[in-house]
Amino acid sequence: MRKSDGIDTSFGEEVCLLKTDYEQLHITKDSPLYPERLRRYPRMPEELYYLGGFPVPQRKTVAIVGARMCSSYGRSQAFQFAKFLSRHGIQIISGLAMGIDAQAHWGALEGNGSTYAVLGNGVDICYPASNRSLYHRILRQGGGILSEYPAGTPPLAHHFPIRNRIISGLADLVLVVEAKEKSGSLITAEYALEQGKAVYAVPGHVNDALSRGTNRLLFDGAGVAYSPQVLLEELGILSREDESDTGQKRPPDFDSWAEEKQKLYLCLEEDKAKGIEEMISETGLALSAVNGHIMSLVVDGFATELVRGQYIRS
């Protein structure tokens, strides 16, 4: 057990007591401010503590969860999915943990949207401490930090599986990006299914331990998150016809791109993943050019790495 800032934690990661300009607020279940979505389900907390605010009930909300020790593929997918959804007005919920959670929050912020973190400790504690800048950015950008635990409560191991029911309860849909066979993210998915929520998973390599949980979800009937547009369709924001139309539109600054980047973008398809060798064959570009431009397209949100080395147009 490690001790940091006077707080004990068995996780082995540093925690940090934080002071913000936001007043810590406390509500009970009979308060009109208590999220209506949580009232629908049993075993929800009688009290909530929060900084900032709660998700706007009239707007769609997606929870993005996954492994703490994730791969670069997982980090990229969590960030890009959250950024795309945020740009379409969707609120993002996660748990402020390392890995997928943090990338989901950052993606939502990059998409100029609001994001909400449900903690397994008091809202005056940032855990892990490495996410302190993210913690403050969430509040500055109109989101919220919330917990069922009062101020000063340390991040104990048994708090985190329990808090996952709140993450799924606040969401319209749960997306799992990477998860091992035994993972807290799968607990969130189980809560979501109990609550009647849609569950989607990003497919991964069959030999990768980080993909066994998500691939198992897919085998059991979860939706295949092969692109962010699929989630918009599930949420009733984008129809298949609309998706097809948007797929034909070029990015606003397309004409200013280098010719090689334009050629590579036009080579990509929305419903069929292509590998590096196939892109080289179809475009005639050198390996270095394909590698450089495909990474640029992924970072800018115009392409998605569906599985390792396989890309689709976003």
C-alpha atoms as a PDB file:
ATOM      1  CA  MET A   1       0.000   0.000   0.000  1.00  0.00           C
ATOM      2  CA  ARG A   2       1.318   3.360  -1.014  1.00  0.00           C
ATOM      3  CA  LYS A   3       0.764   6.653   0.719  1.00  0.00           C
ATOM      4  CA  SER A   4       0.530   9.981  -1.102  1.00  0.00           C
ATOM      5  CA  ASP A   5      -0.641  13.355   0.222  1.00  0.00           C
ATOM      6  CA  GLY A   6      -1.843  11.570   3.357  1.00  0.00           C
ATOM      7  CA  ILE A   7      -4.113   9.202   1.398  1.00  0.00           C
ATOM      8  CA  ASP A   8      -3.635   5.465   1.316  1.00  0.00           C
ATOM      9  CA  THR A   9      -4.252   3.560  -1.902  1.00  0.00           C
ATOM     10  CA  SER A  10      -3.633  -0.048  -2.864  1.00  0.00           C
ATOM     11  CA  PHE A  11      -3.427   0.771  -6.572  1.00  0.00           C
ATOM     12  CA  GLY A  12       0.229   1.738  -6.535  1.00  0.00           C
ATOM     13  CA  GLU A  13      -0.451   4.935  -8.491  1.00  0.00           C
ATOM     14  CA  GLU A  14       0.029   8.431  -7.125  1.00  0.00           C
ATOM     15  CA  VAL A  15      -2.998  10.373  -5.973  1.00  0.00           C
ATOM     16  CA  CYS A  16      -3.277  14.114  -5.620  1.00  0.00           C
ATOM     17  CA  LEU A  17      -5.451  16.372  -3.463  1.00  0.00           C
ATOM     18  CA  LEU A  18      -6.632  19.225  -5.652  1.00  0.00           C
ATOM     19  CA  LYS A  19      -8.074  22.651  -5.082  1.00  0.00           C
ATOM     20  CA  THR A  20     -10.229  24.221  -7.800  1.00  0.00           C
ATOM     21  CA  ASP A  21     -12.264  27.368  -8.278  1.00  0.00           C
ATOM     22  CA  TYR A  22     -15.353  25.155  -8.446  1.00  0.00           C
ATOM     23  CA  GLU A  23     -17.434  24.677  -5.338  1.00  0.00           C
ATOM     24  CA  GLN A  24     -17.913  21.067  -4.293  1.00  0.00           C
ATOM     25  CA  LEU A  25     -21.653  20.421  -4.234  1.00  0.00           C
ATOM     26  CA  HIS A  26     -23.696  17.687  -2.611  1.00  0.00           C
ATOM     27  CA  ILE A  27     -27.192  16.483  -3.501  1.00  0.00           C
ATOM     28  CA  THR A  28     -29.455  13.688  -2.322  1.00  0.00           C
ATOM     29  CA  LYS A  29     -31.738  11.478  -4.383  1.00  0.00           C
ATOM     30  CA  ASP A  30     -34.783  13.610  -3.611  1.00  0.00           C
ATOM     31  CA  SER A  31     -33.143  16.732  -5.046  1.00  0.00           C
ATOM     32  CA  PRO A  32     -34.515  17.994  -8.389  1.00  0.00           C
ATOM     33  CA  LEU A  33     -30.884  18.218  -9.545  1.00  0.00           C
ATOM     34  CA  TYR A  34     -30.339  14.465  -9.119  1.00  0.00           C
ATOM     35  CA  PRO A  35     -29.904  12.977 -12.638  1.00  0.00           C
ATOM     36  CA  GLU A  36     -33.240  11.600 -13.796  1.00  0.00           C
ATOM     37  CA  ARG A  37     -31.466   8.848 -15.718  1.00  0.00           C
ATOM     38  CA  LEU A  38     -30.123   7.367 -12.502  1.00  0.00           C
ATOM     39  CA  ARG A  39     -33.549   7.345 -10.832  1.00  0.00           C
ATOM     40  CA  ARG A  40     -34.696   4.694 -13.298  1.00  0.00           C
ATOM     41  CA  TYR A  41     -32.387   1.988 -11.993  1.00  0.00           C
ATOM     42  CA  PRO A  42     -32.041   0.145  -8.676  1.00  0.00           C
ATOM     43  CA  ARG A  43     -28.998   0.361  -6.425  1.00  0.00           C
ATOM     44  CA  MET A  44     -28.111   3.897  -7.449  1.00  0.00           C
ATOM     45  CA  PRO A  45     -26.445   6.133  -4.832  1.00  0.00           C
ATOM     46  CA  GLU A  46     -28.597   8.047  -2.362  1.00  0.00           C
ATOM     47  CA  GLU A  47     -26.131  10.949  -2.505  1.00  0.00           C
ATOM     48  CA  LEU A  48     -23.870  12.463  -5.137  1.00  0.00           C
ATOM     49  CA  TYR A  49     -20.949  14.849  -4.799  1.00  0.00           C
ATOM     50  CA  TYR A  50     -19.821  16.876  -7.784  1.00  0.00           C
ATOM     51  CA  LEU A  51     -17.815  19.720  -9.263  1.00  0.00           C
ATOM     52  CA  GLY A  52     -19.041  21.522 -12.356  1.00  0.00           C
ATOM     53  CA  GLY A  53     -22.284  19.933 -13.481  1.00  0.00           C
ATOM     54  CA  PHE A  54     -24.086  16.841 -14.718  1.00  0.00           C
ATOM     55  CA  PRO A  55     -24.672  15.720 -18.312  1.00  0.00           C
ATOM     56  CA  VAL A  56     -27.476  17.676 -19.985  1.00  0.00           C
ATOM     57  CA  PRO A  57     -30.465  15.275 -19.968  1.00  0.00           C
ATOM     58  CA  GLN A  58     -31.759  16.421 -23.368  1.00  0.00           C
ATOM     59  CA  ARG A  59     -28.500  15.536 -25.133  1.00  0.00           C
ATOM     60  CA  LYS A  60     -27.249  12.102 -26.147  1.00  0.00           C
ATOM     61  CA  THR A  61     -24.460  10.639 -24.049  1.00  0.00           C
ATOM     62  CA  VAL A  62     -21.920   7.894 -24.746  1.00  0.00           C
ATOM     63  CA  ALA A  63     -19.718   6.184 -22.163  1.00  0.00           C
ATOM     64  CA  ILE A  64     -16.300   5.146 -23.474  1.00  0.00           C
ATOM     65  CA  VAL A  65     -14.373   2.714 -21.281  1.00  0.00           C
ATOM     66  CA  GLY A  66     -11.454   0.330 -21.611  1.00  0.00           C
ATOM     67  CA  ALA A  67      -8.118  -0.876 -20.354  1.00  0.00           C
ATOM     68  CA  ARG A  68      -5.800   1.225 -18.244  1.00  0.00           C
ATOM     69  CA  MET A  69      -2.702  -0.377 -19.737  1.00  0.00           C
ATOM     70  CA  CYS A  70      -3.909  -0.029 -23.314  1.00  0.00           C
ATOM     71  CA  SER A  71      -2.118  -0.210 -26.656  1.00  0.00           C
ATOM     72  CA  SER A  72      -1.380   2.673 -29.013  1.00  0.00           C
ATOM     73  CA  TYR A  73      -4.199   1.320 -31.185  1.00  0.00           C
ATOM     74  CA  GLY A  74      -6.610   1.511 -28.257  1.00  0.00           C
ATOM     75  CA  ARG A  75      -5.521   5.031 -27.316  1.00  0.00           C
ATOM     76  CA  SER A  76      -6.006   6.194 -30.888  1.00  0.00           C
ATOM     77  CA  GLN A  77      -9.458   4.622 -31.202  1.00  0.00           C
ATOM     78  CA  ALA A  78     -10.717   6.021 -27.888  1.00  0.00           C
ATOM     79  CA  PHE A  79      -9.483   9.506 -28.759  1.00  0.00           C
ATOM     80  CA  GLN A  80     -10.844   9.512 -32.320  1.00  0.00           C
ATOM     81  CA  PHE A  81     -14.240   8.053 -31.427  1.00  0.00           C
ATOM     82  CA  ALA A  82     -14.685  10.572 -28.613  1.00  0.00           C
ATOM     83  CA  LYS A  83     -13.532  13.493 -30.750  1.00  0.00           C
ATOM     84  CA  PHE A  84     -15.900  12.575 -33.592  1.00  0.00           C
ATOM     85  CA  LEU A  85     -18.877  12.048 -31.287  1.00  0.00           C
ATOM     86  CA  SER A  86     -18.143  15.248 -29.397  1.00  0.00           C
ATOM     87  CA  ARG A  87     -18.112  17.222 -32.639  1.00  0.00           C
ATOM     88  CA  HIS A  88     -21.609  15.885 -33.274  1.00  0.00           C
ATOM     89  CA  GLY A  89     -22.877  17.228 -29.950  1.00  0.00           C
ATOM     90  CA  ILE A  90     -22.611  14.002 -27.946  1.00  0.00           C
ATOM     91  CA  GLN A  91     -21.516  14.116 -24.313  1.00  0.00           C
ATOM     92  CA  ILE A  92     -18.757  11.700 -23.304  1.00  0.00           C
ATOM     93  CA  ILE A  93     -18.593   9.924 -19.934  1.00  0.00           C
ATOM     94  CA  SER A  94     -15.708   7.915 -18.560  1.00  0.00           C
ATOM     95  CA  GLY A  95     -13.793   7.309 -15.340  1.00  0.00           C
ATOM     96  CA  LEU A  96     -10.651   9.502 -15.498  1.00  0.00           C
ATOM     97  CA  ALA A  97      -8.430   6.399 -15.257  1.00  0.00           C
ATOM     98  CA  MET A  98      -5.198   6.021 -17.182  1.00  0.00           C
ATOM     99  CA  GLY A  99      -5.383   4.650 -20.713  1.00  0.00           C
ATOM    100  CA  ILE A 100      -8.691   4.472 -22.570  1.00  0.00           C
ATOM    101  CA  ASP A 101     -10.629   6.606 -20.065  1.00  0.00           C
ATOM    102  CA  ALA A 102      -8.173   9.487 -20.269  1.00  0.00           C
ATOM    103  CA  GLN A 103      -8.022   9.348 -24.061  1.00  0.00           C
ATOM    104  CA  ALA A 104     -11.827   9.399 -24.263  1.00  0.00           C
ATOM    105  CA  HIS A 105     -11.918  12.538 -22.109  1.00  0.00           C
ATOM    106  CA  TRP A 106      -9.156  14.201 -24.134  1.00  0.00           C
ATOM    107  CA  GLY A 107     -10.875  13.320 -27.419  1.00  0.00           C
ATOM    108  CA  ALA A 108     -14.139  14.867 -26.229  1.00  0.00           C
ATOM    109  CA  LEU A 109     -12.320  18.035 -25.203  1.00  0.00           C
ATOM    110  CA  GLU A 110     -10.501  18.186 -28.523  1.00  0.00           C
ATOM    111  CA  GLY A 111     -13.885  17.930 -30.229  1.00  0.00           C
ATOM    112  CA  ASN A 112     -14.910  21.055 -28.271  1.00  0.00           C
ATOM    113  CA  GLY A 113     -17.557  19.159 -26.337  1.00  0.00           C
ATOM    114  CA  SER A 114     -18.224  18.447 -22.691  1.00  0.00           C
ATOM    115  CA  THR A 115     -17.127  15.354 -20.847  1.00  0.00           C
ATOM    116  CA  TYR A 116     -17.885  13.968 -17.381  1.00  0.00           C
ATOM    117  CA  ALA A 117     -15.749  11.829 -15.096  1.00  0.00           C
ATOM    118  CA  VAL A 118     -17.243   9.438 -12.540  1.00  0.00           C
ATOM    119  CA  LEU A 119     -14.674   8.779  -9.817  1.00  0.00           C
ATOM    120  CA  GLY A 120     -14.083   5.940  -7.383  1.00  0.00           C
ATOM    121  CA  ASN A 121     -12.918   8.443  -4.747  1.00  0.00           C
ATOM    122  CA  GLY A 122     -13.824  11.901  -3.484  1.00  0.00           C
ATOM    123  CA  VAL A 123     -14.118  14.625  -6.124  1.00  0.00           C
ATOM    124  CA  ASP A 124     -11.392  16.622  -4.373  1.00  0.00           C
ATOM    125  CA  ILE A 125      -8.875  13.905  -5.257  1.00  0.00           C
ATOM    126  CA  CYS A 126      -7.339  13.414  -8.688  1.00  0.00           C
ATOM    127  CA  TYR A 127      -6.470   9.787  -9.268  1.00  0.00           C
ATOM    128  CA  PRO A 128      -4.086   9.131 -10.869  1.00  0.00           C
ATOM    129  CA  ALA A 129      -2.208  12.361 -10.201  1.00  0.00           C
ATOM    130  CA  SER A 130      -0.852  12.334 -13.755  1.00  0.00           C
ATOM    131  CA  ASN A 131      -4.357  13.306 -14.942  1.00  0.00           C
ATOM    132  CA  ARG A 132      -4.477  16.555 -12.959  1.00  0.00           C
ATOM    133  CA  SER A 133      -4.338  18.721 -16.107  1.00  0.00           C
ATOM    134  CA  LEU A 134      -7.176  16.675 -17.599  1.00  0.00           C
ATOM    135  CA  TYR A 135      -9.177  17.031 -14.372  1.00  0.00           C
ATOM    136  CA  HIS A 136      -8.954  20.834 -14.558  1.00  0.00           C
ATOM    137  CA  ARG A 137      -9.583  20.968 -18.319  1.00  0.00           C
ATOM    138  CA  ILE A 138     -12.813  18.972 -17.935  1.00  0.00           C
ATOM    139  CA  LEU A 139     -14.133  21.597 -15.521  1.00  0.00           C
ATOM    140  CA  ARG A 140     -12.914  24.582 -17.532  1.00  0.00           C
ATOM    141  CA  GLN A 141     -14.646  23.265 -20.643  1.00  0.00           C
ATOM    142  CA  GLY A 142     -18.070  22.938 -19.023  1.00  0.00           C
ATOM    143  CA  GLY A 143     -18.020  19.304 -17.926  1.00  0.00           C
ATOM    144  CA  GLY A 144     -18.172  17.737 -14.501  1.00  0.00           C
ATOM    145  CA  ILE A 145     -16.449  15.540 -11.916  1.00  0.00           C
ATOM    146  CA  LEU A 146     -18.815  13.404  -9.840  1.00  0.00           C
ATOM    147  CA  SER A 147     -18.769  10.656  -7.270  1.00  0.00           C
ATOM    148  CA  GLU A 148     -20.940   8.888  -4.735  1.00  0.00           C
ATOM    149  CA  TYR A 149     -18.105   9.206  -2.204  1.00  0.00           C
ATOM    150  CA  PRO A 150     -17.628  12.259   0.055  1.00  0.00           C
ATOM    151  CA  ALA A 151     -14.567  14.503  -0.016  1.00  0.00           C
ATOM    152  CA  GLY A 152     -11.357  12.877   1.142  1.00  0.00           C
ATOM    153  CA  THR A 153     -12.443   9.328   0.274  1.00  0.00           C
ATOM    154  CA  PRO A 154      -9.378   7.510  -1.118  1.00  0.00           C
ATOM    155  CA  PRO A 155      -9.402   5.454  -4.332  1.00  0.00           C
ATOM    156  CA  LEU A 156      -9.938   1.984  -2.882  1.00  0.00           C
ATOM    157  CA  ALA A 157     -10.043  -1.010  -5.214  1.00  0.00           C
ATOM    158  CA  HIS A 158     -13.616  -2.053  -4.463  1.00  0.00           C
ATOM    159  CA  HIS A 159     -14.961   1.433  -5.261  1.00  0.00           C
ATOM    160  CA  PHE A 160     -14.245   1.192  -8.982  1.00  0.00           C
ATOM    161  CA  PRO A 161     -16.416  -1.756 -10.073  1.00  0.00           C
ATOM    162  CA  ILE A 162     -19.302  -0.248  -8.073  1.00  0.00           C
ATOM    163  CA  ARG A 163     -19.006   3.210  -9.643  1.00  0.00           C
ATOM    164  CA  ASN A 164     -19.287   1.646 -13.122  1.00  0.00           C
ATOM    165  CA  ARG A 165     -23.072   1.357 -12.686  1.00  0.00           C
ATOM    166  CA  ILE A 166     -23.190   5.171 -12.591  1.00  0.00           C
ATOM    167  CA  ILE A 167     -21.114   5.473 -15.774  1.00  0.00           C
ATOM    168  CA  SER A 168     -23.472   3.188 -17.686  1.00  0.00           C
ATOM    169  CA  GLY A 169     -26.550   4.657 -15.990  1.00  0.00           C
ATOM    170  CA  LEU A 170     -25.784   8.162 -17.251  1.00  0.00           C
ATOM    171  CA  ALA A 171     -25.141   6.978 -20.816  1.00  0.00           C
ATOM    172  CA  ASP A 172     -27.401   6.160 -23.750  1.00  0.00           C
ATOM    173  CA  LEU A 173     -24.765   3.806 -25.139  1.00  0.00           C
ATOM    174  CA  VAL A 174     -21.578   2.175 -23.842  1.00  0.00           C
ATOM    175  CA  LEU A 175     -18.508   1.720 -26.061  1.00  0.00           C
ATOM    176  CA  VAL A 176     -15.739  -0.629 -24.925  1.00  0.00           C
ATOM    177  CA  VAL A 177     -12.456   0.011 -26.739  1.00  0.00           C
ATOM    178  CA  GLU A 178      -9.971  -2.482 -25.259  1.00  0.00           C
ATOM    179  CA  ALA A 179     -10.494  -4.949 -22.427  1.00  0.00           C
ATOM    180  CA  LYS A 180      -8.930  -8.142 -21.151  1.00  0.00           C
ATOM    181  CA  GLU A 181     -11.059 -11.192 -20.400  1.00  0.00           C
ATOM    182  CA  LYS A 182     -11.467 -10.074 -16.782  1.00  0.00           C
ATOM    183  CA  SER A 183     -11.873  -6.331 -16.844  1.00  0.00           C
ATOM    184  CA  GLY A 184     -13.746  -3.559 -15.083  1.00  0.00           C
ATOM    185  CA  SER A 185     -14.861  -2.381 -18.505  1.00  0.00           C
ATOM    186  CA  LEU A 186     -16.798  -5.616 -18.953  1.00  0.00           C
ATOM    187  CA  ILE A 187     -18.517  -4.901 -15.638  1.00  0.00           C
ATOM    188  CA  THR A 188     -19.626  -1.565 -17.100  1.00  0.00           C
ATOM    189  CA  ALA A 189     -20.943  -3.416 -20.157  1.00  0.00           C
ATOM    190  CA  GLU A 190     -22.853  -5.847 -17.916  1.00  0.00           C
ATOM    191  CA  TYR A 191     -24.444  -2.962 -16.026  1.00  0.00           C
ATOM    192  CA  ALA A 192     -25.382  -1.354 -19.349  1.00  0.00           C
ATOM    193  CA  LEU A 193     -27.089  -4.519 -20.575  1.00  0.00           C
ATOM    194  CA  GLU A 194     -28.996  -4.822 -17.293  1.00  0.00           C
ATOM    195  CA  GLN A 195     -30.130  -1.234 -17.779  1.00  0.00           C
ATOM    196  CA  GLY A 196     -31.269  -1.913 -21.327  1.00  0.00           C
ATOM    197  CA  LYS A 197     -28.510   0.125 -22.942  1.00  0.00           C
ATOM    198  CA  ALA A 198     -26.820  -0.556 -26.271  1.00  0.00           C
ATOM    199  CA  VAL A 199     -23.267  -1.912 -25.954  1.00  0.00           C
ATOM    200  CA  TYR A 200     -20.696  -1.603 -28.728  1.00  0.00           C
ATOM    201  CA  ALA A 201     -17.088  -2.775 -28.899  1.00  0.00           C
ATOM    202  CA  VAL A 202     -14.140  -1.894 -31.092  1.00  0.00           C
ATOM    203  CA  PRO A 203     -12.811  -5.117 -32.665  1.00  0.00           C
ATOM    204  CA  GLY A 204      -9.189  -6.043 -32.072  1.00  0.00           C
ATOM    205  CA  HIS A 205      -6.539  -8.559 -33.038  1.00  0.00           C
ATOM    206  CA  VAL A 206      -7.558 -12.102 -32.074  1.00  0.00           C
ATOM    207  CA  ASN A 207      -4.132 -12.828 -30.552  1.00  0.00           C
ATOM    208  CA  ASP A 208      -3.988  -9.675 -28.446  1.00  0.00           C
ATOM    209  CA  ALA A 209      -4.862 -10.104 -24.757  1.00  0.00           C
ATOM    210  CA  LEU A 210      -6.228  -6.553 -24.698  1.00  0.00           C
ATOM    211  CA  SER A 211      -8.805  -7.526 -27.333  1.00  0.00           C
ATOM    212  CA  ARG A 212     -10.094 -10.728 -25.783  1.00  0.00           C
ATOM    213  CA  GLY A 213     -12.701  -8.943 -23.714  1.00  0.00           C
ATOM    214  CA  THR A 214     -13.968  -6.777 -26.577  1.00  0.00           C
ATOM    215  CA  ASN A 215     -13.945  -9.648 -29.056  1.00  0.00           C
ATOM    216  CA  ARG A 216     -15.890 -11.730 -26.546  1.00  0.00           C
ATOM    217  CA  LEU A 217     -18.475  -8.954 -26.313  1.00  0.00           C
ATOM    218  CA  LEU A 218     -18.783  -9.026 -30.091  1.00  0.00           C
ATOM    219  CA  PHE A 219     -19.190 -12.807 -30.043  1.00  0.00           C
ATOM    220  CA  ASP A 220     -21.948 -12.424 -27.454  1.00  0.00           C
ATOM    221  CA  GLY A 221     -23.821  -9.959 -29.652  1.00  0.00           C
ATOM    222  CA  ALA A 222     -22.453  -6.477 -28.936  1.00  0.00           C
ATOM    223  CA  GLY A 223     -22.543  -3.989 -31.796  1.00  0.00           C
ATOM    224  CA  VAL A 224     -19.426  -3.740 -33.960  1.00  0.00           C
ATOM    225  CA  ALA A 225     -17.964  -0.237 -33.669  1.00  0.00           C
ATOM    226  CA  TYR A 226     -16.194  -0.245 -37.014  1.00  0.00           C
ATOM    227  CA  SER A 227     -16.665   3.521 -37.332  1.00  0.00           C
ATOM    228  CA  PRO A 228     -18.028   6.382 -35.189  1.00  0.00           C
ATOM    229  CA  GLN A 229     -20.871   6.849 -37.665  1.00  0.00           C
ATOM    230  CA  VAL A 230     -22.314   3.522 -36.557  1.00  0.00           C
ATOM    231  CA  LEU A 231     -22.850   4.958 -33.087  1.00  0.00           C
ATOM    232  CA  LEU A 232     -24.566   8.033 -34.495  1.00  0.00           C
ATOM    233  CA  GLU A 233     -26.929   5.737 -36.352  1.00  0.00           C
ATOM    234  CA  GLU A 234     -27.631   3.744 -33.184  1.00  0.00           C
ATOM    235  CA  LEU A 235     -28.421   6.983 -31.367  1.00  0.00           C
ATOM    236  CA  GLY A 236     -30.786   8.075 -34.122  1.00  0.00           C
ATOM    237  CA  ILE A 237     -28.655  11.036 -35.133  1.00  0.00           C
ATOM    238  CA  LEU A 238     -27.484   9.718 -38.503  1.00  0.00           C
ATOM    239  CA  SER A 239     -29.337   7.379 -40.878  1.00  0.00           C
ATOM    240  CA  ARG A 240     -27.609   5.000 -43.263  1.00  0.00           C
ATOM    241  CA  GLU A 241     -28.533   7.304 -46.132  1.00  0.00           C
ATOM    242  CA  ASP A 242     -27.025  10.297 -44.349  1.00  0.00           C
ATOM    243  CA  GLU A 243     -23.922   8.264 -43.552  1.00  0.00           C
ATOM    244  CA  SER A 244     -23.512   7.389 -47.218  1.00  0.00           C
ATOM    245  CA  ASP A 245     -23.883  11.012 -48.230  1.00  0.00           C
ATOM    246  CA  THR A 246     -21.360  12.292 -45.703  1.00  0.00           C
ATOM    247  CA  GLY A 247     -18.908   9.658 -46.844  1.00  0.00           C
ATOM    248  CA  GLN A 248     -18.799  11.275 -50.292  1.00  0.00           C
ATOM    249  CA  LYS A 249     -17.996  14.728 -48.941  1.00  0.00           C
ATOM    250  CA  ARG A 250     -14.412  15.857 -48.902  1.00  0.00           C
ATOM    251  CA  PRO A 251     -12.917  17.620 -45.873  1.00  0.00           C
ATOM    252  CA  PRO A 252     -13.291  21.434 -45.999  1.00  0.00           C
ATOM    253  CA  ASP A 253      -9.549  21.992 -46.470  1.00  0.00           C
ATOM    254  CA  PHE A 254      -9.102  19.092 -48.901  1.00  0.00           C
ATOM    255  CA  ASP A 255      -7.917  21.330 -51.775  1.00  0.00           C
ATOM    256  CA  SER A 256      -5.069  22.666 -49.647  1.00  0.00           C
ATOM    257  CA  TRP A 257      -3.656  19.196 -48.945  1.00  0.00           C
ATOM    258  CA  ALA A 258      -0.595  17.800 -50.653  1.00  0.00           C
ATOM    259  CA  GLU A 259      -1.466  15.772 -53.749  1.00  0.00           C
ATOM    260  CA  GLU A 260      -0.175  12.563 -52.138  1.00  0.00           C
ATOM    261  CA  LYS A 261      -2.416  13.051 -49.091  1.00  0.00           C
ATOM    262  CA  GLN A 262      -5.441  13.701 -51.312  1.00  0.00           C
ATOM    263  CA  LYS A 263      -4.736  10.561 -53.300  1.00  0.00           C
ATOM    264  CA  LEU A 264      -4.444   8.455 -50.162  1.00  0.00           C
ATOM    265  CA  TYR A 265      -7.659   9.865 -48.662  1.00  0.00           C
ATOM    266  CA  LEU A 266      -9.612   9.109 -51.860  1.00  0.00           C
ATOM    267  CA  CYS A 267      -8.188   5.589 -51.837  1.00  0.00           C
ATOM    268  CA  LEU A 268      -9.758   4.856 -48.447  1.00  0.00           C
ATOM    269  CA  GLU A 269     -13.303   3.488 -48.084  1.00  0.00           C
ATOM    270  CA  GLU A 270     -15.789   3.749 -45.213  1.00  0.00           C
ATOM    271  CA  ASP A 271     -16.951   0.142 -45.185  1.00  0.00           C
ATOM    272  CA  LYS A 272     -13.808  -1.726 -46.225  1.00  0.00           C
ATOM    273  CA  ALA A 273     -10.517  -1.602 -44.351  1.00  0.00           C
ATOM    274  CA  LYS A 274      -7.309  -1.396 -46.360  1.00  0.00           C
ATOM    275  CA  GLY A 275      -3.783  -2.279 -45.360  1.00  0.00           C
ATOM    276  CA  ILE A 276      -0.589  -0.391 -46.143  1.00  0.00           C
ATOM    277  CA  GLU A 277       0.401  -2.690 -49.005  1.00  0.00           C
ATOM    278  CA  GLU A 278      -3.010  -2.319 -50.645  1.00  0.00           C
ATOM    279  CA  MET A 279      -2.806   1.469 -50.369  1.00  0.00           C
ATOM    280  CA  ILE A 280       0.671   1.459 -51.907  1.00  0.00           C
ATOM    281  CA  SER A 281      -0.589  -0.711 -54.779  1.00  0.00           C
ATOM    282  CA  GLU A 282      -3.644   1.464 -55.482  1.00  0.00           C
ATOM    283  CA  THR A 283      -1.985   4.875 -55.148  1.00  0.00           C
ATOM    284  CA  GLY A 284       1.526   4.169 -56.393  1.00  0.00           C
ATOM    285  CA  LEU A 285       2.910   6.075 -53.419  1.00  0.00           C
ATOM    286  CA  ALA A 286       6.095   5.111 -51.584  1.00  0.00           C
ATOM    287  CA  LEU A 287       5.885   3.320 -48.243  1.00  0.00           C
ATOM    288  CA  SER A 288       7.213   6.364 -46.387  1.00  0.00           C
ATOM    289  CA  ALA A 289       4.583   8.619 -47.976  1.00  0.00           C
ATOM    290  CA  VAL A 290       1.717   6.229 -47.164  1.00  0.00           C
ATOM    291  CA  ASN A 291       2.885   5.825 -43.560  1.00  0.00           C
ATOM    292  CA  GLY A 292       3.259   9.571 -43.066  1.00  0.00           C
ATOM    293  CA  HIS A 293      -0.017  10.611 -44.640  1.00  0.00           C
ATOM    294  CA  ILE A 294      -2.134   7.858 -43.093  1.00  0.00           C
ATOM    295  CA  MET A 295      -0.938   8.896 -39.628  1.00  0.00           C
ATOM    296  CA  SER A 296      -1.797  12.501 -40.465  1.00  0.00           C
ATOM    297  CA  LEU A 297      -5.287  11.465 -41.574  1.00  0.00           C
ATOM    298  CA  VAL A 298      -5.818   9.453 -38.375  1.00  0.00           C
ATOM    299  CA  VAL A 299      -4.668  12.296 -36.123  1.00  0.00           C
ATOM    300  CA  ASP A 300      -6.944  14.756 -37.953  1.00  0.00           C
ATOM    301  CA  GLY A 301      -9.906  12.405 -37.649  1.00  0.00           C
ATOM    302  CA  PHE A 302     -10.265  11.662 -41.378  1.00  0.00           C
ATOM    303  CA  ALA A 303      -9.201   8.013 -41.092  1.00  0.00           C
ATOM    304  CA  THR A 304      -9.591   5.314 -38.450  1.00  0.00           C
ATOM    305  CA  GLU A 305      -7.311   2.361 -37.750  1.00  0.00           C
ATOM    306  CA  LEU A 306      -9.919  -0.373 -37.470  1.00  0.00           C
ATOM    307  CA  VAL A 307      -7.434  -3.079 -36.467  1.00  0.00           C
ATOM    308  CA  ARG A 308      -3.670  -2.863 -36.528  1.00  0.00           C
ATOM    309  CA  GLY A 309      -2.481  -1.786 -39.946  1.00  0.00           C
ATOM    310  CA  GLN A 310      -6.017  -1.718 -41.428  1.00  0.00           C
ATOM    311  CA  TYR A 311      -7.630   1.660 -42.097  1.00  0.00           C
ATOM    312  CA  ILE A 312     -11.006   3.038 -43.130  1.00  0.00           C
ATOM    313  CA  ARG A 313     -12.145   6.533 -44.046  1.00  0.00           C
ATOM    314  CA  SER A 314     -13.825   8.398 -41.170  1.00  0.00           C
END
